[in-house]
Amino acid sequence: IERLYASHFPFLLVENNYQTLPVNQLLIDNTGGARSAIEYLISLGHRRIAHFMGDPNKKVNLDRFNGYTETMRIHGLSIGAADITNIYSDYDLAYQAAFDLMGQTPDTRPTAIFCSNDRIALRSIQGIMDAGYSVPGDISVMGFDNQRILPDFYRGPAITSVEQPLYTIGMDSIRLLSERLNQADPGQAVRKTYKTRIIEKETVGEYR
């Protein structure tokens, strides 16, 4: 990034919050997206909400983790040590973690799981179903990304998720780069943050 900036080569960053230099950046409000996900679960009566977290070395996952913890704290909801499971990039860990979680008694286990992404969510759903339980009948699962195409082996319910405006970001990135290429003076760096929205499907239900 520093070499590109020094050479005045036109470029932009997508989902890479680089703060050292004034470079073009298109970002997603991951913290706000996670916050809205937890608010949504709480509005449906969920109070014991677990978080299956992706690789903590990726800022997007840390932002989503922060949105989860901040919202739980604002609502006075406790987060136990067992409520946060780090999946890293091994999605099979999500399967096993969800399978094991269902071994807890109904009055102590979480009523919902918020996952860092849809891949973690789908493996969690498979673990829950293989343990003999249903989603969202016995536990709700919420993803992040709203992936349109899931792996062929997935046969579970459609995943309720937080959608990122990826098409819009793609269009804006090409438009911005085209403008920069056609300008002698590129002007000030562009920094834009995009909001997310919840897409309701089949994996989150009301907790009574």
N, C-alpha and C. Protein backbone atom coordinates (compact mmCIF):
# COMPACT_ATOMS: atom_id res chain seq x y z
N ILE A 1 0.84 -1.20 0.00
CA ILE A 1 0.00 0.00 0.00
C ILE A 1 0.87 1.25 0.00
N GLU A 2 1.91 1.26 0.81
CA GLU A 2 2.80 2.42 0.86
C GLU A 2 3.50 2.64 -0.46
N ARG A 3 3.92 1.58 -1.14
CA ARG A 3 4.59 1.72 -2.44
C ARG A 3 3.63 2.24 -3.50
N LEU A 4 2.41 1.73 -3.50
CA LEU A 4 1.42 2.20 -4.45
C LEU A 4 1.12 3.68 -4.23
N TYR A 5 0.98 4.05 -2.97
CA TYR A 5 0.67 5.44 -2.64
C TYR A 5 1.82 6.36 -3.07
N ALA A 6 3.05 5.94 -2.80
CA ALA A 6 4.22 6.77 -3.14
C ALA A 6 4.38 6.93 -4.65
N SER A 7 3.94 5.94 -5.41
CA SER A 7 4.10 6.00 -6.87
C SER A 7 2.92 6.68 -7.55
N HIS A 8 1.91 7.10 -6.76
CA HIS A 8 0.71 7.76 -7.29
C HIS A 8 -0.08 6.83 -8.22
N PHE A 9 0.03 5.54 -7.99
CA PHE A 9 -0.71 4.56 -8.78
C PHE A 9 -2.16 4.55 -8.29
N PRO A 10 -3.15 4.64 -9.20
CA PRO A 10 -4.55 4.68 -8.76
C PRO A 10 -5.02 3.32 -8.21
N PHE A 11 -5.49 3.31 -6.99
CA PHE A 11 -5.97 2.07 -6.38
C PHE A 11 -6.98 2.43 -5.29
N LEU A 12 -7.72 1.40 -4.85
CA LEU A 12 -8.60 1.58 -3.70
C LEU A 12 -8.60 0.28 -2.90
N LEU A 13 -8.99 0.40 -1.65
CA LEU A 13 -9.07 -0.75 -0.76
C LEU A 13 -10.54 -1.03 -0.44
N VAL A 14 -10.90 -2.30 -0.46
CA VAL A 14 -12.24 -2.72 -0.08
C VAL A 14 -12.13 -3.57 1.18
N GLU A 15 -12.83 -3.15 2.23
CA GLU A 15 -12.83 -3.86 3.50
C GLU A 15 -11.41 -4.01 4.08
N ASN A 16 -10.63 -2.97 3.98
CA ASN A 16 -9.30 -2.95 4.57
C ASN A 16 -9.10 -1.56 5.16
N ASN A 17 -9.39 -1.41 6.42
CA ASN A 17 -9.39 -0.10 7.07
C ASN A 17 -7.96 0.35 7.36
N TYR A 18 -7.34 1.00 6.37
CA TYR A 18 -5.94 1.42 6.46
C TYR A 18 -5.91 2.89 6.89
N GLN A 19 -5.38 3.16 8.06
CA GLN A 19 -5.49 4.49 8.65
C GLN A 19 -4.20 5.30 8.60
N THR A 20 -3.09 4.71 8.16
CA THR A 20 -1.81 5.40 8.18
C THR A 20 -1.71 6.45 7.07
N LEU A 21 -2.31 6.15 5.90
CA LEU A 21 -2.22 7.05 4.75
C LEU A 21 -3.63 7.37 4.23
N PRO A 22 -3.81 8.53 3.62
CA PRO A 22 -5.12 8.90 3.06
C PRO A 22 -5.35 8.21 1.71
N VAL A 23 -5.84 6.99 1.75
CA VAL A 23 -6.06 6.22 0.52
C VAL A 23 -7.56 5.98 0.33
N ASN A 24 -7.95 5.66 -0.90
CA ASN A 24 -9.35 5.39 -1.21
C ASN A 24 -9.78 4.09 -0.54
N GLN A 25 -10.89 4.17 0.21
CA GLN A 25 -11.35 2.99 0.94
C GLN A 25 -12.86 2.88 0.89
N LEU A 26 -13.35 1.68 0.60
CA LEU A 26 -14.77 1.37 0.67
C LEU A 26 -14.93 0.33 1.78
N LEU A 27 -15.63 0.69 2.84
CA LEU A 27 -15.72 -0.13 4.04
C LEU A 27 -17.16 -0.52 4.33
N ILE A 28 -17.33 -1.58 5.09
CA ILE A 28 -18.65 -2.03 5.54
C ILE A 28 -18.74 -1.85 7.04
N ASP A 29 -19.88 -1.39 7.50
CA ASP A 29 -20.09 -1.17 8.93
C ASP A 29 -20.35 -2.51 9.62
N ASN A 30 -19.27 -3.27 9.82
CA ASN A 30 -19.39 -4.60 10.41
C ASN A 30 -19.84 -4.54 11.87
N THR A 31 -19.34 -3.55 12.60
CA THR A 31 -19.76 -3.42 14.01
C THR A 31 -21.25 -3.10 14.08
N GLY A 32 -21.70 -2.17 13.25
CA GLY A 32 -23.11 -1.84 13.24
C GLY A 32 -23.97 -3.00 12.77
N GLY A 33 -23.47 -3.78 11.82
CA GLY A 33 -24.21 -4.94 11.35
C GLY A 33 -24.39 -5.98 12.44
N ALA A 34 -23.32 -6.23 13.19
CA ALA A 34 -23.41 -7.17 14.31
C ALA A 34 -24.34 -6.64 15.38
N ARG A 35 -24.26 -5.34 15.61
CA ARG A 35 -25.14 -4.72 16.61
C ARG A 35 -26.61 -4.91 16.24
N SER A 36 -26.92 -4.70 14.97
CA SER A 36 -28.31 -4.86 14.53
C SER A 36 -28.75 -6.31 14.62
N ALA A 37 -27.84 -7.24 14.39
CA ALA A 37 -28.17 -8.67 14.49
C ALA A 37 -28.55 -9.03 15.92
N ILE A 38 -27.77 -8.56 16.88
CA ILE A 38 -28.06 -8.88 18.27
C ILE A 38 -29.34 -8.17 18.72
N GLU A 39 -29.54 -6.94 18.29
CA GLU A 39 -30.78 -6.23 18.61
C GLU A 39 -31.98 -7.00 18.06
N TYR A 40 -31.83 -7.53 16.87
CA TYR A 40 -32.90 -8.32 16.24
C TYR A 40 -33.21 -9.57 17.06
N LEU A 41 -32.18 -10.28 17.49
CA LEU A 41 -32.38 -11.48 18.30
C LEU A 41 -33.04 -11.13 19.63
N ILE A 42 -32.59 -10.05 20.24
CA ILE A 42 -33.17 -9.62 21.52
C ILE A 42 -34.64 -9.26 21.35
N SER A 43 -34.97 -8.62 20.23
CA SER A 43 -36.36 -8.23 19.98
C SER A 43 -37.28 -9.44 19.86
N LEU A 44 -36.70 -10.60 19.55
CA LEU A 44 -37.48 -11.83 19.44
C LEU A 44 -37.46 -12.64 20.73
N GLY A 45 -36.94 -12.05 21.80
CA GLY A 45 -36.98 -12.69 23.11
C GLY A 45 -35.74 -13.43 23.52
N HIS A 46 -34.71 -13.43 22.70
CA HIS A 46 -33.48 -14.15 23.04
C HIS A 46 -32.65 -13.34 24.03
N ARG A 47 -32.17 -14.01 25.05
CA ARG A 47 -31.33 -13.38 26.06
C ARG A 47 -29.99 -14.11 26.22
N ARG A 48 -29.99 -15.40 25.98
CA ARG A 48 -28.75 -16.18 26.04
C ARG A 48 -28.28 -16.39 24.59
N ILE A 49 -27.35 -15.54 24.18
CA ILE A 49 -26.89 -15.53 22.79
C ILE A 49 -25.40 -15.85 22.74
N ALA A 50 -25.04 -16.92 22.08
CA ALA A 50 -23.64 -17.31 21.91
C ALA A 50 -23.09 -16.66 20.64
N HIS A 51 -21.77 -16.62 20.55
CA HIS A 51 -21.11 -16.08 19.35
C HIS A 51 -20.05 -17.04 18.87
N PHE A 52 -20.20 -17.50 17.63
CA PHE A 52 -19.18 -18.32 16.98
C PHE A 52 -18.36 -17.38 16.10
N MET A 53 -17.14 -17.12 16.52
CA MET A 53 -16.32 -16.06 15.92
C MET A 53 -15.33 -16.62 14.91
N GLY A 54 -15.13 -15.88 13.82
CA GLY A 54 -14.15 -16.25 12.82
C GLY A 54 -12.74 -15.85 13.25
N ASP A 55 -11.81 -15.97 12.33
CA ASP A 55 -10.39 -15.71 12.60
C ASP A 55 -10.20 -14.31 13.20
N PRO A 56 -9.70 -14.21 14.45
CA PRO A 56 -9.52 -12.91 15.09
C PRO A 56 -8.42 -12.06 14.48
N ASN A 57 -7.64 -12.64 13.57
CA ASN A 57 -6.61 -11.86 12.88
C ASN A 57 -7.20 -11.01 11.75
N LYS A 58 -8.47 -11.21 11.46
CA LYS A 58 -9.15 -10.42 10.44
C LYS A 58 -10.01 -9.36 11.13
N LYS A 59 -9.82 -8.11 10.72
CA LYS A 59 -10.49 -7.01 11.39
C LYS A 59 -12.01 -7.11 11.29
N VAL A 60 -12.52 -7.64 10.17
CA VAL A 60 -13.97 -7.74 10.04
C VAL A 60 -14.56 -8.61 11.14
N ASN A 61 -13.85 -9.66 11.51
CA ASN A 61 -14.34 -10.54 12.59
C ASN A 61 -14.26 -9.86 13.94
N LEU A 62 -13.20 -9.08 14.16
CA LEU A 62 -13.10 -8.34 15.42
C LEU A 62 -14.20 -7.29 15.52
N ASP A 63 -14.51 -6.63 14.41
CA ASP A 63 -15.58 -5.63 14.42
C ASP A 63 -16.91 -6.29 14.74
N ARG A 64 -17.17 -7.46 14.18
CA ARG A 64 -18.43 -8.15 14.44
C ARG A 64 -18.48 -8.66 15.87
N PHE A 65 -17.35 -9.10 16.39
CA PHE A 65 -17.25 -9.50 17.79
C PHE A 65 -17.55 -8.31 18.70
N ASN A 66 -16.98 -7.15 18.38
CA ASN A 66 -17.21 -5.96 19.20
C ASN A 66 -18.67 -5.53 19.17
N GLY A 67 -19.29 -5.64 18.01
CA GLY A 67 -20.71 -5.31 17.93
C GLY A 67 -21.55 -6.21 18.79
N TYR A 68 -21.19 -7.49 18.82
CA TYR A 68 -21.89 -8.46 19.68
C TYR A 68 -21.73 -8.13 21.16
N THR A 69 -20.48 -7.96 21.59
CA THR A 69 -20.23 -7.74 23.03
C THR A 69 -20.81 -6.40 23.49
N GLU A 70 -20.68 -5.36 22.67
CA GLU A 70 -21.20 -4.05 23.06
C GLU A 70 -22.71 -4.09 23.25
N THR A 71 -23.40 -4.73 22.33
CA THR A 71 -24.86 -4.77 22.40
C THR A 71 -25.34 -5.63 23.57
N MET A 72 -24.68 -6.74 23.80
CA MET A 72 -25.03 -7.57 24.96
C MET A 72 -24.84 -6.77 26.25
N ARG A 73 -23.76 -6.02 26.33
CA ARG A 73 -23.49 -5.23 27.53
C ARG A 73 -24.52 -4.12 27.71
N ILE A 74 -24.87 -3.44 26.63
CA ILE A 74 -25.85 -2.37 26.70
C ILE A 74 -27.18 -2.88 27.25
N HIS A 75 -27.54 -4.10 26.89
CA HIS A 75 -28.80 -4.68 27.34
C HIS A 75 -28.68 -5.43 28.67
N GLY A 76 -27.51 -5.37 29.27
CA GLY A 76 -27.32 -6.02 30.56
C GLY A 76 -27.34 -7.53 30.49
N LEU A 77 -26.98 -8.11 29.35
CA LEU A 77 -26.98 -9.55 29.18
C LEU A 77 -25.58 -10.10 29.39
N SER A 78 -25.49 -11.16 30.14
CA SER A 78 -24.19 -11.73 30.48
C SER A 78 -23.61 -12.54 29.33
N ILE A 79 -22.29 -12.56 29.26
CA ILE A 79 -21.57 -13.38 28.29
C ILE A 79 -20.62 -14.27 29.08
N GLY A 80 -20.91 -15.55 29.11
CA GLY A 80 -20.05 -16.49 29.82
C GLY A 80 -18.88 -16.91 28.96
N ALA A 81 -17.89 -17.51 29.61
CA ALA A 81 -16.70 -17.95 28.89
C ALA A 81 -17.04 -18.96 27.79
N ALA A 82 -18.09 -19.76 28.03
CA ALA A 82 -18.48 -20.78 27.06
C ALA A 82 -19.36 -20.23 25.95
N ASP A 83 -19.73 -18.95 26.04
CA ASP A 83 -20.63 -18.37 25.04
C ASP A 83 -19.90 -17.90 23.78
N ILE A 84 -18.57 -17.82 23.85
CA ILE A 84 -17.79 -17.38 22.69
C ILE A 84 -16.88 -18.52 22.25
N THR A 85 -17.04 -18.94 21.02
CA THR A 85 -16.23 -20.02 20.46
C THR A 85 -15.48 -19.48 19.26
N ASN A 86 -14.16 -19.64 19.27
CA ASN A 86 -13.35 -19.15 18.15
C ASN A 86 -13.20 -20.27 17.12
N ILE A 87 -13.78 -20.02 15.96
CA ILE A 87 -13.78 -21.02 14.90
C ILE A 87 -12.54 -20.90 14.02
N TYR A 88 -11.90 -19.74 14.03
CA TYR A 88 -10.80 -19.44 13.11
C TYR A 88 -11.30 -19.67 11.68
N SER A 89 -10.60 -20.46 10.88
CA SER A 89 -11.06 -20.74 9.52
C SER A 89 -11.39 -22.22 9.33
N ASP A 90 -11.47 -22.94 10.44
CA ASP A 90 -11.80 -24.37 10.39
C ASP A 90 -13.29 -24.53 10.66
N TYR A 91 -14.09 -24.58 9.59
CA TYR A 91 -15.53 -24.59 9.76
C TYR A 91 -16.04 -25.87 10.41
N ASP A 92 -15.24 -26.93 10.39
CA ASP A 92 -15.64 -28.14 11.08
C ASP A 92 -15.71 -27.91 12.59
N LEU A 93 -14.96 -26.95 13.09
CA LEU A 93 -15.03 -26.62 14.52
C LEU A 93 -16.42 -26.08 14.87
N ALA A 94 -17.04 -25.38 13.93
CA ALA A 94 -18.39 -24.87 14.16
C ALA A 94 -19.38 -26.01 14.27
N TYR A 95 -19.21 -26.99 13.42
CA TYR A 95 -20.08 -28.18 13.47
C TYR A 95 -19.99 -28.85 14.84
N GLN A 96 -18.75 -29.09 15.30
CA GLN A 96 -18.57 -29.80 16.56
C GLN A 96 -19.02 -28.95 17.74
N ALA A 97 -18.73 -27.66 17.69
CA ALA A 97 -19.13 -26.77 18.79
C ALA A 97 -20.64 -26.72 18.93
N ALA A 98 -21.35 -26.64 17.81
CA ALA A 98 -22.81 -26.61 17.86
C ALA A 98 -23.37 -27.95 18.31
N PHE A 99 -22.78 -29.03 17.83
CA PHE A 99 -23.20 -30.38 18.24
C PHE A 99 -23.06 -30.53 19.76
N ASP A 100 -21.91 -30.12 20.30
CA ASP A 100 -21.66 -30.23 21.73
C ASP A 100 -22.56 -29.29 22.53
N LEU A 101 -22.82 -28.10 22.00
CA LEU A 101 -23.64 -27.12 22.71
C LEU A 101 -25.03 -27.68 22.99
N MET A 102 -25.56 -28.46 22.06
CA MET A 102 -26.91 -29.01 22.24
C MET A 102 -26.96 -30.07 23.32
N GLY A 103 -25.80 -30.47 23.82
CA GLY A 103 -25.76 -31.42 24.93
C GLY A 103 -26.05 -30.77 26.28
N GLN A 104 -26.05 -29.44 26.30
CA GLN A 104 -26.39 -28.73 27.53
C GLN A 104 -27.89 -28.81 27.79
N THR A 105 -28.28 -28.58 29.02
CA THR A 105 -29.71 -28.61 29.35
C THR A 105 -30.41 -27.41 28.73
N PRO A 106 -31.69 -27.54 28.37
CA PRO A 106 -32.40 -26.45 27.71
C PRO A 106 -32.44 -25.15 28.51
N ASP A 107 -32.38 -25.24 29.83
CA ASP A 107 -32.48 -24.02 30.64
C ASP A 107 -31.14 -23.32 30.82
N THR A 108 -30.06 -23.91 30.31
CA THR A 108 -28.74 -23.28 30.45
C THR A 108 -28.08 -22.97 29.11
N ARG A 109 -28.40 -23.72 28.07
CA ARG A 109 -27.73 -23.49 26.79
C ARG A 109 -28.29 -22.22 26.13
N PRO A 110 -27.52 -21.62 25.24
CA PRO A 110 -27.99 -20.44 24.52
C PRO A 110 -29.25 -20.75 23.71
N THR A 111 -30.07 -19.75 23.51
CA THR A 111 -31.26 -19.91 22.67
C THR A 111 -30.98 -19.45 21.24
N ALA A 112 -29.83 -18.81 21.03
CA ALA A 112 -29.47 -18.35 19.69
C ALA A 112 -27.94 -18.30 19.57
N ILE A 113 -27.47 -18.47 18.34
CA ILE A 113 -26.05 -18.35 18.03
C ILE A 113 -25.89 -17.30 16.94
N PHE A 114 -25.05 -16.32 17.20
CA PHE A 114 -24.70 -15.33 16.18
C PHE A 114 -23.34 -15.72 15.61
N CYS A 115 -23.28 -15.94 14.31
CA CYS A 115 -22.06 -16.41 13.66
C CYS A 115 -21.41 -15.30 12.84
N SER A 116 -20.07 -15.31 12.80
CA SER A 116 -19.32 -14.28 12.08
C SER A 116 -19.59 -14.28 10.58
N ASN A 117 -19.95 -15.43 10.04
CA ASN A 117 -20.26 -15.50 8.61
C ASN A 117 -21.18 -16.67 8.34
N ASP A 118 -21.67 -16.75 7.12
CA ASP A 118 -22.65 -17.78 6.78
C ASP A 118 -22.05 -19.18 6.72
N ARG A 119 -20.76 -19.28 6.39
CA ARG A 119 -20.12 -20.60 6.37
C ARG A 119 -20.09 -21.20 7.77
N ILE A 120 -19.80 -20.37 8.76
CA ILE A 120 -19.84 -20.85 10.14
C ILE A 120 -21.28 -21.20 10.52
N ALA A 121 -22.22 -20.38 10.09
CA ALA A 121 -23.63 -20.63 10.41
C ALA A 121 -24.12 -21.96 9.83
N LEU A 122 -23.78 -22.23 8.58
CA LEU A 122 -24.31 -23.46 7.97
C LEU A 122 -23.72 -24.72 8.60
N ARG A 123 -22.45 -24.66 8.98
CA ARG A 123 -21.87 -25.84 9.66
C ARG A 123 -22.44 -25.98 11.07
N SER A 124 -22.76 -24.86 11.71
CA SER A 124 -23.40 -24.92 13.02
C SER A 124 -24.78 -25.55 12.91
N ILE A 125 -25.53 -25.16 11.88
CA ILE A 125 -26.87 -25.72 11.67
C ILE A 125 -26.79 -27.22 11.43
N GLN A 126 -25.80 -27.65 10.66
CA GLN A 126 -25.64 -29.08 10.41
C GLN A 126 -25.32 -29.84 11.70
N GLY A 127 -24.48 -29.24 12.55
CA GLY A 127 -24.17 -29.87 13.83
C GLY A 127 -25.39 -29.99 14.72
N ILE A 128 -26.21 -28.95 14.74
CA ILE A 128 -27.43 -28.97 15.55
C ILE A 128 -28.40 -30.03 15.04
N MET A 129 -28.58 -30.09 13.72
CA MET A 129 -29.50 -31.07 13.14
C MET A 129 -29.02 -32.50 13.34
N ASP A 130 -27.71 -32.71 13.22
CA ASP A 130 -27.17 -34.05 13.42
C ASP A 130 -27.25 -34.48 14.88
N ALA A 131 -27.34 -33.50 15.78
CA ALA A 131 -27.51 -33.83 17.20
C ALA A 131 -28.97 -34.16 17.52
N GLY A 132 -29.84 -34.04 16.53
CA GLY A 132 -31.23 -34.40 16.72
C GLY A 132 -32.16 -33.25 17.04
N TYR A 133 -31.71 -32.02 16.77
CA TYR A 133 -32.51 -30.84 17.09
C TYR A 133 -32.83 -30.07 15.81
N SER A 134 -33.73 -29.11 15.93
CA SER A 134 -34.16 -28.34 14.77
C SER A 134 -33.78 -26.87 14.91
N VAL A 135 -33.63 -26.23 13.76
CA VAL A 135 -33.37 -24.79 13.67
C VAL A 135 -34.52 -24.18 12.86
N PRO A 136 -35.26 -23.23 13.41
CA PRO A 136 -35.05 -22.55 14.70
C PRO A 136 -35.91 -23.10 15.83
N GLY A 137 -36.51 -24.27 15.66
CA GLY A 137 -37.40 -24.81 16.69
C GLY A 137 -36.77 -24.93 18.05
N ASP A 138 -35.52 -25.45 18.09
CA ASP A 138 -34.82 -25.63 19.36
C ASP A 138 -33.79 -24.54 19.64
N ILE A 139 -33.24 -23.97 18.59
CA ILE A 139 -32.25 -22.91 18.76
C ILE A 139 -32.18 -22.12 17.45
N SER A 140 -32.01 -20.81 17.56
CA SER A 140 -31.90 -19.96 16.37
C SER A 140 -30.44 -19.77 15.99
N VAL A 141 -30.19 -19.61 14.71
CA VAL A 141 -28.83 -19.38 14.20
C VAL A 141 -28.88 -18.21 13.22
N MET A 142 -27.99 -17.26 13.42
CA MET A 142 -27.93 -16.09 12.54
C MET A 142 -26.54 -15.97 11.93
N GLY A 143 -26.49 -15.71 10.63
CA GLY A 143 -25.22 -15.57 9.95
C GLY A 143 -24.89 -14.13 9.62
N PHE A 144 -23.84 -13.97 8.82
CA PHE A 144 -23.43 -12.64 8.37
C PHE A 144 -22.83 -12.80 6.97
N ASP A 145 -23.26 -11.99 6.04
CA ASP A 145 -22.81 -11.93 4.64
C ASP A 145 -23.97 -12.12 3.68
N ASN A 146 -24.96 -12.93 4.08
CA ASN A 146 -26.09 -13.27 3.20
C ASN A 146 -25.57 -13.83 1.88
N GLN A 147 -24.81 -14.90 1.96
CA GLN A 147 -24.28 -15.55 0.76
C GLN A 147 -25.43 -16.08 -0.09
N ARG A 148 -25.39 -15.77 -1.37
CA ARG A 148 -26.45 -16.22 -2.27
C ARG A 148 -26.25 -17.68 -2.70
N ILE A 149 -24.99 -18.10 -2.78
CA ILE A 149 -24.69 -19.46 -3.22
C ILE A 149 -23.97 -20.19 -2.08
N LEU A 150 -24.61 -21.23 -1.56
CA LEU A 150 -24.03 -22.02 -0.49
C LEU A 150 -23.52 -23.35 -1.05
N PRO A 151 -22.63 -24.02 -0.33
CA PRO A 151 -22.10 -25.30 -0.81
C PRO A 151 -23.22 -26.30 -1.12
N ASP A 152 -23.01 -27.13 -2.13
CA ASP A 152 -24.04 -28.08 -2.56
C ASP A 152 -24.45 -29.05 -1.46
N PHE A 153 -23.53 -29.31 -0.52
CA PHE A 153 -23.84 -30.30 0.50
C PHE A 153 -24.79 -29.77 1.57
N TYR A 154 -25.07 -28.46 1.57
CA TYR A 154 -25.94 -27.89 2.59
C TYR A 154 -27.40 -28.16 2.26
N ARG A 155 -28.11 -28.76 3.21
CA ARG A 155 -29.52 -29.11 3.01
C ARG A 155 -30.38 -28.58 4.15
N GLY A 156 -29.92 -27.54 4.82
CA GLY A 156 -30.66 -26.98 5.94
C GLY A 156 -31.57 -25.84 5.53
N PRO A 157 -32.22 -25.21 6.50
CA PRO A 157 -33.09 -24.07 6.21
C PRO A 157 -32.30 -22.87 5.71
N ALA A 158 -32.97 -21.99 4.99
CA ALA A 158 -32.33 -20.77 4.48
C ALA A 158 -31.89 -19.91 5.65
N ILE A 159 -30.67 -19.38 5.57
CA ILE A 159 -30.03 -18.74 6.72
C ILE A 159 -30.40 -17.27 6.83
N THR A 160 -30.99 -16.90 7.96
CA THR A 160 -31.21 -15.49 8.29
C THR A 160 -29.84 -14.85 8.50
N SER A 161 -29.61 -13.70 7.86
CA SER A 161 -28.24 -13.18 7.83
C SER A 161 -28.22 -11.66 7.73
N VAL A 162 -27.04 -11.10 7.96
CA VAL A 162 -26.80 -9.68 7.77
C VAL A 162 -26.21 -9.48 6.38
N GLU A 163 -26.89 -8.71 5.57
CA GLU A 163 -26.46 -8.53 4.19
C GLU A 163 -25.55 -7.33 4.03
N GLN A 164 -24.48 -7.53 3.26
CA GLN A 164 -23.59 -6.44 2.86
C GLN A 164 -23.93 -6.04 1.43
N PRO A 165 -23.90 -4.76 1.10
CA PRO A 165 -24.24 -4.32 -0.26
C PRO A 165 -23.08 -4.54 -1.23
N LEU A 166 -22.74 -5.81 -1.46
CA LEU A 166 -21.55 -6.13 -2.24
C LEU A 166 -21.68 -5.68 -3.70
N TYR A 167 -22.86 -5.78 -4.29
CA TYR A 167 -23.04 -5.34 -5.67
C TYR A 167 -22.77 -3.84 -5.79
N THR A 168 -23.33 -3.09 -4.84
CA THR A 168 -23.14 -1.64 -4.85
C THR A 168 -21.67 -1.28 -4.67
N ILE A 169 -21.01 -1.97 -3.77
CA ILE A 169 -19.59 -1.72 -3.54
C ILE A 169 -18.78 -2.03 -4.80
N GLY A 170 -19.13 -3.12 -5.49
CA GLY A 170 -18.44 -3.47 -6.73
C GLY A 170 -18.61 -2.39 -7.78
N MET A 171 -19.85 -1.90 -7.94
CA MET A 171 -20.12 -0.84 -8.91
C MET A 171 -19.36 0.44 -8.54
N ASP A 172 -19.42 0.80 -7.26
CA ASP A 172 -18.76 2.03 -6.82
C ASP A 172 -17.24 1.94 -6.99
N SER A 173 -16.69 0.75 -6.78
CA SER A 173 -15.23 0.61 -6.90
C SER A 173 -14.78 0.83 -8.33
N ILE A 174 -15.52 0.28 -9.30
CA ILE A 174 -15.16 0.47 -10.71
C ILE A 174 -15.36 1.93 -11.11
N ARG A 175 -16.44 2.52 -10.64
CA ARG A 175 -16.72 3.92 -10.97
C ARG A 175 -15.63 4.83 -10.41
N LEU A 176 -15.24 4.60 -9.17
CA LEU A 176 -14.22 5.43 -8.53
C LEU A 176 -12.87 5.29 -9.23
N LEU A 177 -12.48 4.06 -9.55
CA LEU A 177 -11.20 3.85 -10.23
C LEU A 177 -11.22 4.49 -11.63
N SER A 178 -12.35 4.38 -12.31
CA SER A 178 -12.45 5.00 -13.64
C SER A 178 -12.28 6.51 -13.56
N GLU A 179 -12.89 7.10 -12.54
CA GLU A 179 -12.75 8.55 -12.37
C GLU A 179 -11.29 8.93 -12.10
N ARG A 180 -10.63 8.15 -11.25
CA ARG A 180 -9.24 8.44 -10.92
C ARG A 180 -8.34 8.32 -12.14
N LEU A 181 -8.61 7.33 -12.98
CA LEU A 181 -7.79 7.12 -14.17
C LEU A 181 -7.95 8.25 -15.18
N ASN A 182 -9.10 8.91 -15.16
CA ASN A 182 -9.38 9.96 -16.14
C ASN A 182 -9.13 11.37 -15.62
N GLN A 183 -8.57 11.45 -14.41
CA GLN A 183 -8.29 12.76 -13.82
C GLN A 183 -6.79 12.97 -13.67
N ALA A 184 -6.33 14.14 -14.10
CA ALA A 184 -4.91 14.46 -13.92
C ALA A 184 -4.61 14.63 -12.43
N ASP A 185 -5.53 15.26 -11.72
CA ASP A 185 -5.39 15.45 -10.28
C ASP A 185 -6.47 14.62 -9.59
N PRO A 186 -6.09 13.53 -8.92
CA PRO A 186 -7.10 12.65 -8.30
C PRO A 186 -7.86 13.29 -7.14
N GLY A 187 -7.35 14.38 -6.61
CA GLY A 187 -8.03 15.05 -5.50
C GLY A 187 -7.91 14.27 -4.19
N GLN A 188 -8.81 14.57 -3.26
CA GLN A 188 -8.76 13.94 -1.94
C GLN A 188 -9.18 12.48 -2.02
N ALA A 189 -8.64 11.70 -1.11
CA ALA A 189 -8.99 10.28 -1.05
C ALA A 189 -10.45 10.12 -0.62
N VAL A 190 -11.09 9.11 -1.17
CA VAL A 190 -12.49 8.82 -0.86
C VAL A 190 -12.54 7.72 0.21
N ARG A 191 -13.33 7.98 1.24
CA ARG A 191 -13.54 6.98 2.29
C ARG A 191 -15.04 6.88 2.52
N LYS A 192 -15.60 5.72 2.23
CA LYS A 192 -17.04 5.54 2.35
C LYS A 192 -17.36 4.26 3.11
N THR A 193 -18.31 4.36 4.04
CA THR A 193 -18.73 3.20 4.83
C THR A 193 -20.17 2.86 4.48
N TYR A 194 -20.42 1.61 4.19
CA TYR A 194 -21.74 1.14 3.77
C TYR A 194 -22.48 0.47 4.92
N LYS A 195 -23.75 0.74 5.01
CA LYS A 195 -24.59 0.12 6.03
C LYS A 195 -25.01 -1.29 5.59
N THR A 196 -25.41 -2.08 6.57
CA THR A 196 -25.89 -3.43 6.30
C THR A 196 -27.39 -3.50 6.59
N ARG A 197 -27.99 -4.63 6.27
CA ARG A 197 -29.39 -4.83 6.64
C ARG A 197 -29.63 -6.32 6.92
N ILE A 198 -30.63 -6.59 7.72
CA ILE A 198 -30.96 -7.96 8.09
C ILE A 198 -31.90 -8.55 7.04
N ILE A 199 -31.57 -9.74 6.60
CA ILE A 199 -32.41 -10.47 5.65
C ILE A 199 -33.03 -11.65 6.41
N GLU A 200 -34.32 -11.56 6.63
CA GLU A 200 -35.03 -12.60 7.39
C GLU A 200 -35.33 -13.79 6.50
N LYS A 201 -34.90 -14.96 6.95
CA LYS A 201 -35.19 -16.19 6.20
C LYS A 201 -35.79 -17.22 7.17
N GLU A 202 -35.10 -18.33 7.40
CA GLU A 202 -35.75 -19.44 8.10
C GLU A 202 -35.05 -19.92 9.37
N THR A 203 -33.92 -19.34 9.75
CA THR A 203 -33.16 -19.94 10.85
C THR A 203 -33.28 -19.20 12.18
N VAL A 204 -34.07 -18.15 12.23
CA VAL A 204 -34.27 -17.41 13.48
C VAL A 204 -35.75 -17.37 13.79
N GLY A 205 -36.08 -17.76 15.02
CA GLY A 205 -37.46 -17.73 15.45
C GLY A 205 -37.60 -17.01 16.78
N GLU A 206 -38.82 -16.80 17.16
CA GLU A 206 -39.10 -16.11 18.43
C GLU A 206 -38.90 -17.08 19.58
N TYR A 207 -38.28 -16.57 20.65
CA TYR A 207 -38.09 -17.38 21.85
C TYR A 207 -39.15 -17.02 22.88
N ARG A 208 -39.88 -18.02 23.33
CA ARG A 208 -40.96 -17.79 24.30
C ARG A 208 -40.58 -18.38 25.65
